[in-house]
Amino acid sequence: MQREADSVKRYGIRMTLPEGDPFRAPHLLGPHWEEIQWFDSARERDEALECMRNPPPYYRRGDAATLVYEKVER
């Protein structure tokens, strides 16, 4: 049986909103919003981060994601 500590994903990407972003308003996501996605390996995390930093092809011209991405490890 695999120990619980062995199955914990160690490599993550923390996503936050930059200062001044309208979505930081208290009635929307709030000033302390963050999301973390975890991955099994640094390579898997880095590949996902590369995809996240490239806008999807269906964005309207002039639209841009405002998320701040940060690599994290447990």
PDB file of N, CA and C in Angstrom:
ATOM      1  N   MET A   1       0.843  -1.178   0.000  1.00  0.00           N
ATOM      2  CA  MET A   1       0.000   0.000   0.000  1.00  0.00           C
ATOM      3  C   MET A   1       0.890   1.244   0.000  1.00  0.00           C
ATOM      4  N   GLN A   2       0.541   2.223  -0.850  1.00  0.00           N
ATOM      5  CA  GLN A   2       1.327   3.445  -0.971  1.00  0.00           C
ATOM      6  C   GLN A   2       0.992   4.393   0.180  1.00  0.00           C
ATOM      7  N   ARG A   3       2.021   4.949   0.777  1.00  0.00           N
ATOM      8  CA  ARG A   3       1.805   5.911   1.864  1.00  0.00           C
ATOM      9  C   ARG A   3       1.218   7.198   1.297  1.00  0.00           C
ATOM     10  N   GLU A   4       0.410   7.881   2.090  1.00  0.00           N
ATOM     11  CA  GLU A   4      -0.240   9.112   1.649  1.00  0.00           C
ATOM     12  C   GLU A   4       0.788  10.168   1.258  1.00  0.00           C
ATOM     13  N   ALA A   5       1.872  10.295   2.003  1.00  0.00           N
ATOM     14  CA  ALA A   5       2.893  11.299   1.711  1.00  0.00           C
ATOM     15  C   ALA A   5       3.531  11.062   0.350  1.00  0.00           C
ATOM     16  N   ASP A   6       3.625   9.793  -0.089  1.00  0.00           N
ATOM     17  CA  ASP A   6       4.219   9.489  -1.384  1.00  0.00           C
ATOM     18  C   ASP A   6       3.317   9.903  -2.536  1.00  0.00           C
ATOM     19  N   SER A   7       2.017  10.005  -2.304  1.00  0.00           N
ATOM     20  CA  SER A   7       1.093  10.320  -3.386  1.00  0.00           C
ATOM     21  C   SER A   7       0.809  11.820  -3.502  1.00  0.00           C
ATOM     22  N   VAL A   8       1.397  12.641  -2.654  1.00  0.00           N
ATOM     23  CA  VAL A   8       1.171  14.079  -2.696  1.00  0.00           C
ATOM     24  C   VAL A   8       1.925  14.670  -3.882  1.00  0.00           C
ATOM     25  N   LYS A   9       1.221  15.460  -4.649  1.00  0.00           N
ATOM     26  CA  LYS A   9       1.859  16.138  -5.778  1.00  0.00           C
ATOM     27  C   LYS A   9       2.693  17.288  -5.239  1.00  0.00           C
ATOM     28  N   ARG A  10       3.922  17.410  -5.716  1.00  0.00           N
ATOM     29  CA  ARG A  10       4.885  18.337  -5.119  1.00  0.00           C
ATOM     30  C   ARG A  10       5.071  19.628  -5.894  1.00  0.00           C
ATOM     31  N   TYR A  11       4.736  19.664  -7.175  1.00  0.00           N
ATOM     32  CA  TYR A  11       5.066  20.812  -8.022  1.00  0.00           C
ATOM     33  C   TYR A  11       3.791  21.527  -8.435  1.00  0.00           C
ATOM     34  N   GLY A  12       3.752  22.837  -8.187  1.00  0.00           N
ATOM     35  CA  GLY A  12       2.517  23.555  -8.446  1.00  0.00           C
ATOM     36  C   GLY A  12       2.705  24.869  -9.166  1.00  0.00           C
ATOM     37  N   ILE A  13       1.560  25.411  -9.577  1.00  0.00           N
ATOM     38  CA  ILE A  13       1.488  26.737 -10.172  1.00  0.00           C
ATOM     39  C   ILE A  13       0.455  27.520  -9.364  1.00  0.00           C
ATOM     40  N   ARG A  14       0.889  28.606  -8.751  1.00  0.00           N
ATOM     41  CA  ARG A  14      -0.026  29.493  -8.025  1.00  0.00           C
ATOM     42  C   ARG A  14      -0.457  30.602  -8.978  1.00  0.00           C
ATOM     43  N   MET A  15      -1.768  30.818  -9.040  1.00  0.00           N
ATOM     44  CA  MET A  15      -2.322  31.875  -9.877  1.00  0.00           C
ATOM     45  C   MET A  15      -2.971  32.918  -8.974  1.00  0.00           C
ATOM     46  N   THR A  16      -2.597  34.170  -9.159  1.00  0.00           N
ATOM     47  CA  THR A  16      -3.174  35.285  -8.422  1.00  0.00           C
ATOM     48  C   THR A  16      -3.526  36.389  -9.404  1.00  0.00           C
ATOM     49  N   LEU A  17      -4.189  37.401  -8.896  1.00  0.00           N
ATOM     50  CA  LEU A  17      -4.546  38.557  -9.712  1.00  0.00           C
ATOM     51  C   LEU A  17      -3.599  39.711  -9.383  1.00  0.00           C
ATOM     52  N   PRO A  18      -3.187  40.479 -10.391  1.00  0.00           N
ATOM     53  CA  PRO A  18      -2.286  41.597 -10.125  1.00  0.00           C
ATOM     54  C   PRO A  18      -3.011  42.746  -9.421  1.00  0.00           C
ATOM     55  N   GLU A  19      -2.244  43.590  -8.744  1.00  0.00           N
ATOM     56  CA  GLU A  19      -2.803  44.788  -8.119  1.00  0.00           C
ATOM     57  C   GLU A  19      -3.547  45.597  -9.169  1.00  0.00           C
ATOM     58  N   GLY A  20      -4.680  46.137  -8.786  1.00  0.00           N
ATOM     59  CA  GLY A  20      -5.448  46.984  -9.697  1.00  0.00           C
ATOM     60  C   GLY A  20      -6.375  46.230 -10.627  1.00  0.00           C
ATOM     61  N   ASP A  21      -6.356  44.911 -10.610  1.00  0.00           N
ATOM     62  CA  ASP A  21      -7.236  44.136 -11.475  1.00  0.00           C
ATOM     63  C   ASP A  21      -8.676  44.285 -10.980  1.00  0.00           C
ATOM     64  N   PRO A  22      -9.639  44.572 -11.867  1.00  0.00           N
ATOM     65  CA  PRO A  22     -11.029  44.749 -11.439  1.00  0.00           C
ATOM     66  C   PRO A  22     -11.625  43.517 -10.739  1.00  0.00           C
ATOM     67  N   PHE A  23     -11.147  42.335 -11.057  1.00  0.00           N
ATOM     68  CA  PHE A  23     -11.681  41.123 -10.431  1.00  0.00           C
ATOM     69  C   PHE A  23     -11.263  40.975  -8.966  1.00  0.00           C
ATOM     70  N   ARG A  24     -10.345  41.830  -8.490  1.00  0.00           N
ATOM     71  CA  ARG A  24      -9.964  41.810  -7.074  1.00  0.00           C
ATOM     72  C   ARG A  24     -11.002  42.497  -6.197  1.00  0.00           C
ATOM     73  N   ALA A  25     -12.031  43.088  -6.795  1.00  0.00           N
ATOM     74  CA  ALA A  25     -13.078  43.761  -6.029  1.00  0.00           C
ATOM     75  C   ALA A  25     -13.733  42.764  -5.067  1.00  0.00           C
ATOM     76  N   PRO A  26     -14.122  43.216  -3.878  1.00  0.00           N
ATOM     77  CA  PRO A  26     -14.702  42.322  -2.869  1.00  0.00           C
ATOM     78  C   PRO A  26     -15.949  41.575  -3.348  1.00  0.00           C
ATOM     79  N   HIS A  27     -16.724  42.178  -4.236  1.00  0.00           N
ATOM     80  CA  HIS A  27     -17.942  41.516  -4.705  1.00  0.00           C
ATOM     81  C   HIS A  27     -17.676  40.556  -5.865  1.00  0.00           C
ATOM     82  N   LEU A  28     -16.426  40.485  -6.319  1.00  0.00           N
ATOM     83  CA  LEU A  28     -16.054  39.505  -7.354  1.00  0.00           C
ATOM     84  C   LEU A  28     -15.172  38.437  -6.718  1.00  0.00           C
ATOM     85  N   LEU A  29     -13.907  38.340  -7.088  1.00  0.00           N
ATOM     86  CA  LEU A  29     -13.039  37.301  -6.504  1.00  0.00           C
ATOM     87  C   LEU A  29     -12.389  37.738  -5.201  1.00  0.00           C
ATOM     88  N   GLY A  30     -12.238  39.020  -4.991  1.00  0.00           N
ATOM     89  CA  GLY A  30     -11.645  39.526  -3.763  1.00  0.00           C
ATOM     90  C   GLY A  30     -10.144  39.708  -3.878  1.00  0.00           C
ATOM     91  N   PRO A  31      -9.572  40.497  -2.969  1.00  0.00           N
ATOM     92  CA  PRO A  31      -8.153  40.850  -3.061  1.00  0.00           C
ATOM     93  C   PRO A  31      -7.195  39.708  -2.716  1.00  0.00           C
ATOM     94  N   HIS A  32      -7.690  38.650  -2.085  1.00  0.00           N
ATOM     95  CA  HIS A  32      -6.797  37.557  -1.662  1.00  0.00           C
ATOM     96  C   HIS A  32      -7.023  36.267  -2.445  1.00  0.00           C
ATOM     97  N   TRP A  33      -7.698  36.362  -3.589  1.00  0.00           N
ATOM     98  CA  TRP A  33      -7.983  35.166  -4.376  1.00  0.00           C
ATOM     99  C   TRP A  33      -6.686  34.557  -4.904  1.00  0.00           C
ATOM    100  N   GLU A  34      -6.616  33.248  -4.840  1.00  0.00           N
ATOM    101  CA  GLU A  34      -5.537  32.498  -5.483  1.00  0.00           C
ATOM    102  C   GLU A  34      -6.037  31.095  -5.792  1.00  0.00           C
ATOM    103  N   GLU A  35      -5.427  30.490  -6.753  1.00  0.00           N
ATOM    104  CA  GLU A  35      -5.717  29.106  -7.138  1.00  0.00           C
ATOM    105  C   GLU A  35      -4.368  28.428  -7.324  1.00  0.00           C
ATOM    106  N   ILE A  36      -4.252  27.190  -6.860  1.00  0.00           N
ATOM    107  CA  ILE A  36      -3.015  26.430  -7.060  1.00  0.00           C
ATOM    108  C   ILE A  36      -3.372  25.112  -7.726  1.00  0.00           C
ATOM    109  N   GLN A  37      -2.665  24.798  -8.804  1.00  0.00           N
ATOM    110  CA  GLN A  37      -2.797  23.498  -9.469  1.00  0.00           C
ATOM    111  C   GLN A  37      -1.514  22.724  -9.206  1.00  0.00           C
ATOM    112  N   TRP A  38      -1.673  21.461  -8.836  1.00  0.00           N
ATOM    113  CA  TRP A  38      -0.535  20.624  -8.469  1.00  0.00           C
ATOM    114  C   TRP A  38      -0.267  19.572  -9.542  1.00  0.00           C
ATOM    115  N   PHE A  39       1.024  19.211  -9.685  1.00  0.00           N
ATOM    116  CA  PHE A  39       1.466  18.254 -10.702  1.00  0.00           C
ATOM    117  C   PHE A  39       2.447  17.268 -10.081  1.00  0.00           C
ATOM    118  N   ASP A  40       2.581  16.114 -10.735  1.00  0.00           N
ATOM    119  CA  ASP A  40       3.458  15.054 -10.241  1.00  0.00           C
ATOM    120  C   ASP A  40       4.943  15.358 -10.443  1.00  0.00           C
ATOM    121  N   SER A  41       5.269  16.111 -11.498  1.00  0.00           N
ATOM    122  CA  SER A  41       6.682  16.366 -11.793  1.00  0.00           C
ATOM    123  C   SER A  41       6.883  17.829 -12.185  1.00  0.00           C
ATOM    124  N   ALA A  42       8.127  18.281 -12.051  1.00  0.00           N
ATOM    125  CA  ALA A  42       8.465  19.648 -12.449  1.00  0.00           C
ATOM    126  C   ALA A  42       8.275  19.809 -13.961  1.00  0.00           C
ATOM    127  N   ARG A  43       8.594  18.787 -14.730  1.00  0.00           N
ATOM    128  CA  ARG A  43       8.443  18.862 -16.187  1.00  0.00           C
ATOM    129  C   ARG A  43       6.976  19.041 -16.563  1.00  0.00           C
ATOM    130  N   GLU A  44       6.098  18.268 -15.928  1.00  0.00           N
ATOM    131  CA  GLU A  44       4.666  18.375 -16.201  1.00  0.00           C
ATOM    132  C   GLU A  44       4.155  19.772 -15.831  1.00  0.00           C
ATOM    133  N   ARG A  45       4.613  20.280 -14.691  1.00  0.00           N
ATOM    134  CA  ARG A  45       4.228  21.621 -14.262  1.00  0.00           C
ATOM    135  C   ARG A  45       4.712  22.679 -15.248  1.00  0.00           C
ATOM    136  N   ASP A  46       5.966  22.565 -15.690  1.00  0.00           N
ATOM    137  CA  ASP A  46       6.528  23.553 -16.604  1.00  0.00           C
ATOM    138  C   ASP A  46       5.815  23.551 -17.956  1.00  0.00           C
ATOM    139  N   GLU A  47       5.427  22.380 -18.431  1.00  0.00           N
ATOM    140  CA  GLU A  47       4.672  22.295 -19.685  1.00  0.00           C
ATOM    141  C   GLU A  47       3.298  22.954 -19.547  1.00  0.00           C
ATOM    142  N   ALA A  48       2.640  22.714 -18.418  1.00  0.00           N
ATOM    143  CA  ALA A  48       1.331  23.327 -18.177  1.00  0.00           C
ATOM    144  C   ALA A  48       1.461  24.843 -18.066  1.00  0.00           C
ATOM    145  N   LEU A  49       2.512  25.304 -17.407  1.00  0.00           N
ATOM    146  CA  LEU A  49       2.737  26.741 -17.259  1.00  0.00           C
ATOM    147  C   LEU A  49       2.950  27.398 -18.620  1.00  0.00           C
ATOM    148  N   GLU A  50       3.685  26.753 -19.485  1.00  0.00           N
ATOM    149  CA  GLU A  50       3.907  27.284 -20.842  1.00  0.00           C
ATOM    150  C   GLU A  50       2.577  27.437 -21.578  1.00  0.00           C
ATOM    151  N   CYS A  51       1.701  26.449 -21.459  1.00  0.00           N
ATOM    152  CA  CYS A  51       0.378  26.530 -22.091  1.00  0.00           C
ATOM    153  C   CYS A  51      -0.456  27.646 -21.479  1.00  0.00           C
ATOM    154  N   MET A  52      -0.387  27.806 -20.159  1.00  0.00           N
ATOM    155  CA  MET A  52      -1.162  28.848 -19.489  1.00  0.00           C
ATOM    156  C   MET A  52      -0.728  30.247 -19.913  1.00  0.00           C
ATOM    157  N   ARG A  53       0.545  30.411 -20.181  1.00  0.00           N
ATOM    158  CA  ARG A  53       1.067  31.736 -20.546  1.00  0.00           C
ATOM    159  C   ARG A  53       0.757  32.112 -21.992  1.00  0.00           C
ATOM    160  N   ASN A  54       0.379  31.148 -22.809  1.00  0.00           N
ATOM    161  CA  ASN A  54       0.007  31.423 -24.194  1.00  0.00           C
ATOM    162  C   ASN A  54      -1.510  31.530 -24.284  1.00  0.00           C
ATOM    163  N   PRO A  55      -2.020  32.670 -24.758  1.00  0.00           N
ATOM    164  CA  PRO A  55      -3.479  32.834 -24.810  1.00  0.00           C
ATOM    165  C   PRO A  55      -4.127  31.843 -25.767  1.00  0.00           C
ATOM    166  N   PRO A  56      -5.326  31.384 -25.438  1.00  0.00           N
ATOM    167  CA  PRO A  56      -6.043  30.481 -26.337  1.00  0.00           C
ATOM    168  C   PRO A  56      -6.353  31.177 -27.668  1.00  0.00           C
ATOM    169  N   PRO A  57      -6.466  30.430 -28.738  1.00  0.00           N
ATOM    170  CA  PRO A  57      -6.698  31.043 -30.051  1.00  0.00           C
ATOM    171  C   PRO A  57      -8.062  31.722 -30.172  1.00  0.00           C
ATOM    172  N   TYR A  58      -9.001  31.439 -29.282  1.00  0.00           N
ATOM    173  CA  TYR A  58     -10.332  32.022 -29.399  1.00  0.00           C
ATOM    174  C   TYR A  58     -10.469  33.344 -28.634  1.00  0.00           C
ATOM    175  N   TYR A  59      -9.387  33.866 -28.022  1.00  0.00           N
ATOM    176  CA  TYR A  59      -9.463  35.181 -27.388  1.00  0.00           C
ATOM    177  C   TYR A  59      -9.744  36.233 -28.462  1.00  0.00           C
ATOM    178  N   ARG A  60     -10.517  37.237 -28.090  1.00  0.00           N
ATOM    179  CA  ARG A  60     -10.729  38.354 -29.009  1.00  0.00           C
ATOM    180  C   ARG A  60      -9.441  39.162 -29.091  1.00  0.00           C
ATOM    181  N   ARG A  61      -9.204  39.782 -30.218  1.00  0.00           N
ATOM    182  CA  ARG A  61      -8.034  40.629 -30.378  1.00  0.00           C
ATOM    183  C   ARG A  61      -8.079  41.726 -29.311  1.00  0.00           C
ATOM    184  N   GLY A  62      -7.009  41.947 -28.620  1.00  0.00           N
ATOM    185  CA  GLY A  62      -6.942  42.950 -27.559  1.00  0.00           C
ATOM    186  C   GLY A  62      -7.212  42.392 -26.169  1.00  0.00           C
ATOM    187  N   ASP A  63      -7.838  41.210 -26.076  1.00  0.00           N
ATOM    188  CA  ASP A  63      -8.061  40.585 -24.769  1.00  0.00           C
ATOM    189  C   ASP A  63      -6.759  39.963 -24.283  1.00  0.00           C
ATOM    190  N   ALA A  64      -6.557  40.012 -22.998  1.00  0.00           N
ATOM    191  CA  ALA A  64      -5.365  39.388 -22.426  1.00  0.00           C
ATOM    192  C   ALA A  64      -5.684  38.928 -21.009  1.00  0.00           C
ATOM    193  N   ALA A  65      -5.250  37.739 -20.680  1.00  0.00           N
ATOM    194  CA  ALA A  65      -5.421  37.241 -19.320  1.00  0.00           C
ATOM    195  C   ALA A  65      -4.530  38.061 -18.395  1.00  0.00           C
ATOM    196  N   THR A  66      -5.008  38.320 -17.192  1.00  0.00           N
ATOM    197  CA  THR A  66      -4.236  39.140 -16.260  1.00  0.00           C
ATOM    198  C   THR A  66      -3.701  38.348 -15.083  1.00  0.00           C
ATOM    199  N   LEU A  67      -3.741  37.038 -15.144  1.00  0.00           N
ATOM    200  CA  LEU A  67      -3.269  36.220 -14.031  1.00  0.00           C
ATOM    201  C   LEU A  67      -1.754  36.311 -13.895  1.00  0.00           C
ATOM    202  N   VAL A  68      -1.305  36.248 -12.649  1.00  0.00           N
ATOM    203  CA  VAL A  68       0.107  36.181 -12.329  1.00  0.00           C
ATOM    204  C   VAL A  68       0.410  34.732 -11.970  1.00  0.00           C
ATOM    205  N   TYR A  69       1.385  34.122 -12.640  1.00  0.00           N
ATOM    206  CA  TYR A  69       1.735  32.726 -12.418  1.00  0.00           C
ATOM    207  C   TYR A  69       3.041  32.643 -11.634  1.00  0.00           C
ATOM    208  N   GLU A  70       3.092  31.716 -10.680  1.00  0.00           N
ATOM    209  CA  GLU A  70       4.285  31.523  -9.866  1.00  0.00           C
ATOM    210  C   GLU A  70       4.475  30.024  -9.632  1.00  0.00           C
ATOM    211  N   LYS A  71       5.684  29.542  -9.894  1.00  0.00           N
ATOM    212  CA  LYS A  71       6.006  28.144  -9.599  1.00  0.00           C
ATOM    213  C   LYS A  71       6.148  27.971  -8.100  1.00  0.00           C
ATOM    214  N   VAL A  72       5.557  26.892  -7.569  1.00  0.00           N
ATOM    215  CA  VAL A  72       5.671  26.583  -6.142  1.00  0.00           C
ATOM    216  C   VAL A  72       5.990  25.101  -5.961  1.00  0.00           C
ATOM    217  N   GLU A  73       6.586  24.777  -4.832  1.00  0.00           N
ATOM    218  CA  GLU A  73       6.876  23.386  -4.483  1.00  0.00           C
ATOM    219  C   GLU A  73       6.551  23.165  -3.023  1.00  0.00           C
ATOM    220  N   ARG A  74       6.111  21.946  -2.720  1.00  0.00           N
ATOM    221  CA  ARG A  74       5.839  21.579  -1.322  1.00  0.00           C
ATOM    222  C   ARG A  74       7.118  21.104  -0.694  1.00  0.00           C
TER     223      ARG A  74
END
